């Protein structure tokens, strides 16, 4: 329901509402944060990439809480592969400690 309401544009959650939803049922926020990450990346500027990294950190927290670390790792790996030409985004992921530099050297 949250996803439908957000996509339809009738409601944009504020921080307090997001905090409450994350506490009660964090799995409901997964589609929301996935969508926000993609919207931020599509804007293709450094500020948006930083925003995307913030959302990615929230996703990582939710996946850890749900004991789905392998799903998170698969998602992040695919996202980084899909955005490998966006150097600024890759750098922001490294700055945000989502990707370690030594891992990046191995992947390239």
N, C-alpha and C. Protein backbone atom coordinates (compact mmCIF):
# COMPACT_ATOMS: atom_id res chain seq x y z
N UNK A 1 0.82 -1.19 0.00
CA UNK A 1 0.00 0.00 0.00
C UNK A 1 0.87 1.25 0.00
N UNK A 2 1.93 1.23 0.81
CA UNK A 2 2.85 2.37 0.87
C UNK A 2 3.42 2.67 -0.51
N UNK A 3 3.80 1.63 -1.22
CA UNK A 3 4.38 1.79 -2.55
C UNK A 3 3.36 2.44 -3.50
N UNK A 4 2.14 1.96 -3.49
CA UNK A 4 1.09 2.52 -4.36
C UNK A 4 0.86 4.00 -4.06
N UNK A 5 0.75 4.33 -2.80
CA UNK A 5 0.49 5.72 -2.41
C UNK A 5 1.65 6.62 -2.83
N UNK A 6 2.86 6.15 -2.64
CA UNK A 6 4.03 6.96 -2.99
C UNK A 6 4.15 7.13 -4.50
N UNK A 7 3.93 6.07 -5.26
CA UNK A 7 4.02 6.14 -6.72
C UNK A 7 2.94 7.04 -7.28
N UNK A 8 1.76 7.00 -6.70
CA UNK A 8 0.65 7.80 -7.20
C UNK A 8 0.86 9.29 -6.95
N UNK A 9 1.78 9.64 -6.04
CA UNK A 9 2.08 11.04 -5.78
C UNK A 9 1.16 11.70 -4.77
N UNK A 10 0.29 10.92 -4.14
CA UNK A 10 -0.63 11.49 -3.16
C UNK A 10 0.05 11.81 -1.83
N UNK A 11 1.16 11.14 -1.57
CA UNK A 11 1.78 11.27 -0.25
C UNK A 11 3.28 11.12 -0.37
N UNK A 12 3.98 12.03 0.24
CA UNK A 12 5.44 11.95 0.33
C UNK A 12 5.78 11.90 1.82
N UNK A 13 6.31 10.77 2.29
CA UNK A 13 6.55 10.61 3.73
C UNK A 13 7.62 11.56 4.25
N UNK A 14 7.43 12.03 5.49
CA UNK A 14 8.47 12.84 6.11
C UNK A 14 9.36 11.94 6.96
N UNK A 15 10.38 12.51 7.56
CA UNK A 15 11.36 11.72 8.32
C UNK A 15 10.72 10.92 9.46
N UNK A 16 9.83 11.58 10.17
CA UNK A 16 9.19 10.91 11.31
C UNK A 16 8.35 9.72 10.86
N UNK A 17 7.63 9.88 9.78
CA UNK A 17 6.81 8.78 9.26
C UNK A 17 7.71 7.63 8.79
N UNK A 18 8.80 7.97 8.11
CA UNK A 18 9.74 6.93 7.67
C UNK A 18 10.34 6.19 8.87
N UNK A 19 10.69 6.94 9.91
CA UNK A 19 11.26 6.33 11.11
C UNK A 19 10.26 5.36 11.75
N UNK A 20 9.01 5.77 11.82
CA UNK A 20 7.97 4.93 12.41
C UNK A 20 7.75 3.66 11.58
N UNK A 21 7.67 3.82 10.26
CA UNK A 21 7.48 2.65 9.39
C UNK A 21 8.68 1.71 9.50
N UNK A 22 9.88 2.29 9.55
CA UNK A 22 11.07 1.44 9.64
C UNK A 22 11.09 0.65 10.95
N UNK A 23 10.60 1.24 12.00
CA UNK A 23 10.56 0.55 13.28
C UNK A 23 9.52 -0.57 13.27
N UNK A 24 8.34 -0.31 12.71
CA UNK A 24 7.24 -1.27 12.74
C UNK A 24 7.35 -2.37 11.69
N UNK A 25 7.60 -1.99 10.44
CA UNK A 25 7.74 -3.00 9.39
C UNK A 25 8.70 -2.48 8.30
N UNK A 26 9.98 -2.67 8.53
CA UNK A 26 11.00 -2.12 7.62
C UNK A 26 10.93 -2.66 6.20
N UNK A 27 10.42 -3.86 6.02
CA UNK A 27 10.35 -4.44 4.67
C UNK A 27 9.44 -3.62 3.74
N UNK A 28 8.53 -2.86 4.31
CA UNK A 28 7.64 -2.02 3.50
C UNK A 28 8.40 -0.85 2.85
N UNK A 29 9.54 -0.49 3.41
CA UNK A 29 10.29 0.63 2.88
C UNK A 29 11.28 0.23 1.78
N UNK A 30 11.49 -1.05 1.57
CA UNK A 30 12.44 -1.47 0.55
C UNK A 30 12.12 -0.91 -0.84
N UNK A 31 10.89 -1.05 -1.34
CA UNK A 31 10.59 -0.49 -2.67
C UNK A 31 10.77 1.04 -2.71
N UNK A 32 10.40 1.69 -1.63
CA UNK A 32 10.53 3.15 -1.57
C UNK A 32 11.99 3.56 -1.72
N UNK A 33 12.88 2.97 -0.93
CA UNK A 33 14.30 3.34 -0.99
C UNK A 33 14.94 2.91 -2.30
N UNK A 34 14.56 1.77 -2.85
CA UNK A 34 15.09 1.35 -4.16
C UNK A 34 14.72 2.39 -5.22
N UNK A 35 13.50 2.85 -5.19
CA UNK A 35 13.03 3.84 -6.16
C UNK A 35 13.77 5.17 -5.96
N UNK A 36 13.97 5.57 -4.72
CA UNK A 36 14.66 6.83 -4.44
C UNK A 36 16.12 6.76 -4.91
N UNK A 37 16.76 5.62 -4.74
CA UNK A 37 18.14 5.45 -5.22
C UNK A 37 18.18 5.65 -6.73
N UNK A 38 17.28 5.01 -7.44
CA UNK A 38 17.29 5.11 -8.90
C UNK A 38 16.98 6.54 -9.37
N UNK A 39 16.04 7.20 -8.71
CA UNK A 39 15.72 8.58 -9.09
C UNK A 39 16.92 9.49 -8.87
N UNK A 40 17.64 9.29 -7.77
CA UNK A 40 18.81 10.12 -7.49
C UNK A 40 19.91 9.87 -8.52
N UNK A 41 20.16 8.62 -8.86
CA UNK A 41 21.20 8.30 -9.83
C UNK A 41 20.85 8.87 -11.21
N UNK A 42 19.60 8.84 -11.57
CA UNK A 42 19.17 9.33 -12.88
C UNK A 42 19.38 10.84 -13.05
N UNK A 43 19.46 11.58 -11.94
CA UNK A 43 19.69 13.03 -12.04
C UNK A 43 21.13 13.35 -12.44
N UNK A 44 22.03 12.40 -12.27
CA UNK A 44 23.42 12.46 -12.75
C UNK A 44 24.16 13.73 -12.34
N UNK A 45 24.22 13.97 -11.05
CA UNK A 45 25.12 15.00 -10.54
C UNK A 45 25.64 14.57 -9.17
N UNK A 46 26.73 15.16 -8.75
CA UNK A 46 27.42 14.73 -7.53
C UNK A 46 26.50 14.80 -6.32
N UNK A 47 25.74 15.86 -6.19
CA UNK A 47 24.83 16.01 -5.04
C UNK A 47 23.81 14.87 -5.01
N UNK A 48 23.28 14.50 -6.15
CA UNK A 48 22.31 13.40 -6.22
C UNK A 48 22.96 12.06 -5.91
N UNK A 49 24.20 11.89 -6.32
CA UNK A 49 24.91 10.66 -6.01
C UNK A 49 25.11 10.52 -4.50
N UNK A 50 25.39 11.63 -3.83
CA UNK A 50 25.52 11.60 -2.36
C UNK A 50 24.19 11.21 -1.73
N UNK A 51 23.12 11.75 -2.28
CA UNK A 51 21.77 11.41 -1.80
C UNK A 51 21.50 9.91 -2.01
N UNK A 52 21.88 9.39 -3.17
CA UNK A 52 21.70 7.97 -3.46
C UNK A 52 22.46 7.12 -2.45
N UNK A 53 23.66 7.54 -2.09
CA UNK A 53 24.46 6.79 -1.11
C UNK A 53 23.77 6.78 0.25
N UNK A 54 23.16 7.90 0.63
CA UNK A 54 22.41 7.93 1.90
C UNK A 54 21.26 6.93 1.88
N UNK A 55 20.54 6.87 0.76
CA UNK A 55 19.45 5.90 0.64
C UNK A 55 19.99 4.47 0.63
N UNK A 56 21.13 4.27 -0.01
CA UNK A 56 21.73 2.93 -0.04
C UNK A 56 22.11 2.48 1.37
N UNK A 57 22.59 3.39 2.18
CA UNK A 57 22.93 3.04 3.56
C UNK A 57 21.67 2.64 4.34
N UNK A 58 20.58 3.33 4.08
CA UNK A 58 19.32 2.96 4.74
C UNK A 58 18.86 1.58 4.27
N UNK A 59 19.01 1.31 2.98
CA UNK A 59 18.68 -0.01 2.45
C UNK A 59 19.54 -1.09 3.11
N UNK A 60 20.83 -0.82 3.22
CA UNK A 60 21.74 -1.79 3.85
C UNK A 60 21.30 -2.10 5.27
N UNK A 61 20.91 -1.05 6.00
CA UNK A 61 20.45 -1.24 7.38
C UNK A 61 19.21 -2.13 7.43
N UNK A 62 18.27 -1.87 6.53
CA UNK A 62 17.03 -2.67 6.52
C UNK A 62 17.33 -4.12 6.15
N UNK A 63 18.16 -4.32 5.13
CA UNK A 63 18.49 -5.69 4.75
C UNK A 63 19.19 -6.44 5.89
N UNK A 64 20.07 -5.75 6.62
CA UNK A 64 20.72 -6.39 7.76
C UNK A 64 19.71 -6.75 8.84
N UNK A 65 18.78 -5.85 9.08
CA UNK A 65 17.74 -6.08 10.10
C UNK A 65 16.89 -7.29 9.72
N UNK A 66 16.68 -7.49 8.41
CA UNK A 66 15.86 -8.60 7.93
C UNK A 66 16.69 -9.87 7.70
N UNK A 67 17.97 -9.82 8.03
CA UNK A 67 18.90 -10.95 7.82
C UNK A 67 18.96 -11.37 6.35
N UNK A 68 19.04 -10.39 5.47
CA UNK A 68 19.13 -10.65 4.03
C UNK A 68 20.38 -9.97 3.46
N UNK A 69 21.51 -10.20 4.11
CA UNK A 69 22.75 -9.57 3.66
C UNK A 69 23.16 -10.03 2.26
N UNK A 70 22.89 -11.28 1.92
CA UNK A 70 23.27 -11.75 0.58
C UNK A 70 22.44 -11.05 -0.49
N UNK A 71 21.18 -10.77 -0.21
CA UNK A 71 20.35 -10.02 -1.16
C UNK A 71 20.91 -8.62 -1.33
N UNK A 72 21.31 -7.99 -0.23
CA UNK A 72 21.90 -6.66 -0.28
C UNK A 72 23.18 -6.67 -1.12
N UNK A 73 24.05 -7.63 -0.86
CA UNK A 73 25.32 -7.70 -1.59
C UNK A 73 25.08 -7.91 -3.08
N UNK A 74 24.12 -8.75 -3.43
CA UNK A 74 23.77 -8.99 -4.83
C UNK A 74 23.25 -7.70 -5.47
N UNK A 75 22.36 -7.01 -4.77
CA UNK A 75 21.80 -5.76 -5.28
C UNK A 75 22.90 -4.72 -5.51
N UNK A 76 23.75 -4.53 -4.50
CA UNK A 76 24.80 -3.52 -4.61
C UNK A 76 25.79 -3.87 -5.73
N UNK A 77 26.16 -5.12 -5.83
CA UNK A 77 27.08 -5.56 -6.87
C UNK A 77 26.49 -5.27 -8.26
N UNK A 78 25.23 -5.59 -8.46
CA UNK A 78 24.58 -5.32 -9.75
C UNK A 78 24.44 -3.83 -10.02
N UNK A 79 24.13 -3.06 -8.99
CA UNK A 79 24.00 -1.62 -9.15
C UNK A 79 25.34 -1.01 -9.56
N UNK A 80 26.41 -1.43 -8.90
CA UNK A 80 27.73 -0.91 -9.23
C UNK A 80 28.15 -1.32 -10.64
N UNK A 81 27.77 -2.50 -11.04
CA UNK A 81 28.09 -2.95 -12.40
C UNK A 81 27.31 -2.13 -13.43
N UNK A 82 26.04 -1.86 -13.15
CA UNK A 82 25.20 -1.09 -14.07
C UNK A 82 25.65 0.37 -14.17
N UNK A 83 26.29 0.87 -13.11
CA UNK A 83 26.69 2.28 -13.08
C UNK A 83 28.20 2.44 -13.15
N UNK A 84 28.88 1.45 -13.70
CA UNK A 84 30.35 1.49 -13.70
C UNK A 84 30.92 2.66 -14.49
N UNK A 85 30.16 3.23 -15.41
CA UNK A 85 30.63 4.37 -16.19
C UNK A 85 30.39 5.70 -15.48
N UNK A 86 29.65 5.67 -14.39
CA UNK A 86 29.39 6.88 -13.61
C UNK A 86 30.45 7.00 -12.52
N UNK A 87 31.60 7.51 -12.90
CA UNK A 87 32.75 7.56 -11.99
C UNK A 87 32.43 8.31 -10.70
N UNK A 88 31.72 9.41 -10.79
CA UNK A 88 31.39 10.19 -9.60
C UNK A 88 30.53 9.38 -8.63
N UNK A 89 29.60 8.61 -9.16
CA UNK A 89 28.78 7.76 -8.29
C UNK A 89 29.64 6.69 -7.62
N UNK A 90 30.53 6.09 -8.38
CA UNK A 90 31.43 5.07 -7.82
C UNK A 90 32.29 5.68 -6.70
N UNK A 91 32.77 6.91 -6.93
CA UNK A 91 33.57 7.59 -5.90
C UNK A 91 32.75 7.86 -4.65
N UNK A 92 31.51 8.28 -4.82
CA UNK A 92 30.65 8.54 -3.67
C UNK A 92 30.36 7.26 -2.89
N UNK A 93 30.22 6.16 -3.59
CA UNK A 93 30.03 4.87 -2.90
C UNK A 93 31.27 4.51 -2.08
N UNK A 94 32.44 4.82 -2.61
CA UNK A 94 33.67 4.56 -1.86
C UNK A 94 33.76 5.49 -0.66
N UNK A 95 33.45 6.77 -0.85
CA UNK A 95 33.47 7.72 0.27
C UNK A 95 32.48 7.35 1.34
N UNK A 96 31.34 6.83 0.93
CA UNK A 96 30.31 6.42 1.87
C UNK A 96 30.56 5.05 2.47
N UNK A 97 31.71 4.47 2.13
CA UNK A 97 32.14 3.17 2.66
C UNK A 97 31.18 2.04 2.30
N UNK A 98 30.52 2.18 1.15
CA UNK A 98 29.72 1.08 0.65
C UNK A 98 30.61 0.11 -0.12
N UNK A 99 31.69 0.65 -0.69
CA UNK A 99 32.63 -0.14 -1.47
C UNK A 99 34.01 0.18 -0.94
N UNK A 100 34.80 -0.84 -0.71
CA UNK A 100 36.18 -0.61 -0.27
C UNK A 100 37.07 -0.54 -1.49
N UNK A 101 38.08 0.31 -1.41
CA UNK A 101 38.94 0.55 -2.56
C UNK A 101 39.63 -0.72 -3.02
N UNK A 102 40.06 -1.57 -2.09
CA UNK A 102 40.73 -2.80 -2.50
C UNK A 102 39.77 -3.74 -3.24
N UNK A 103 38.49 -3.75 -2.85
CA UNK A 103 37.51 -4.55 -3.56
C UNK A 103 37.29 -4.00 -4.97
N UNK A 104 37.31 -2.69 -5.09
CA UNK A 104 37.12 -2.05 -6.39
C UNK A 104 38.24 -2.45 -7.35
N UNK A 105 39.47 -2.52 -6.85
CA UNK A 105 40.61 -2.88 -7.69
C UNK A 105 40.47 -4.33 -8.17
N UNK A 106 39.93 -5.19 -7.34
CA UNK A 106 39.74 -6.60 -7.71
C UNK A 106 38.65 -6.71 -8.76
N UNK A 107 37.55 -5.92 -8.63
CA UNK A 107 36.42 -6.01 -9.56
C UNK A 107 36.79 -5.50 -10.95
N UNK A 108 37.69 -4.53 -11.05
CA UNK A 108 38.00 -3.91 -12.35
C UNK A 108 38.81 -4.80 -13.24
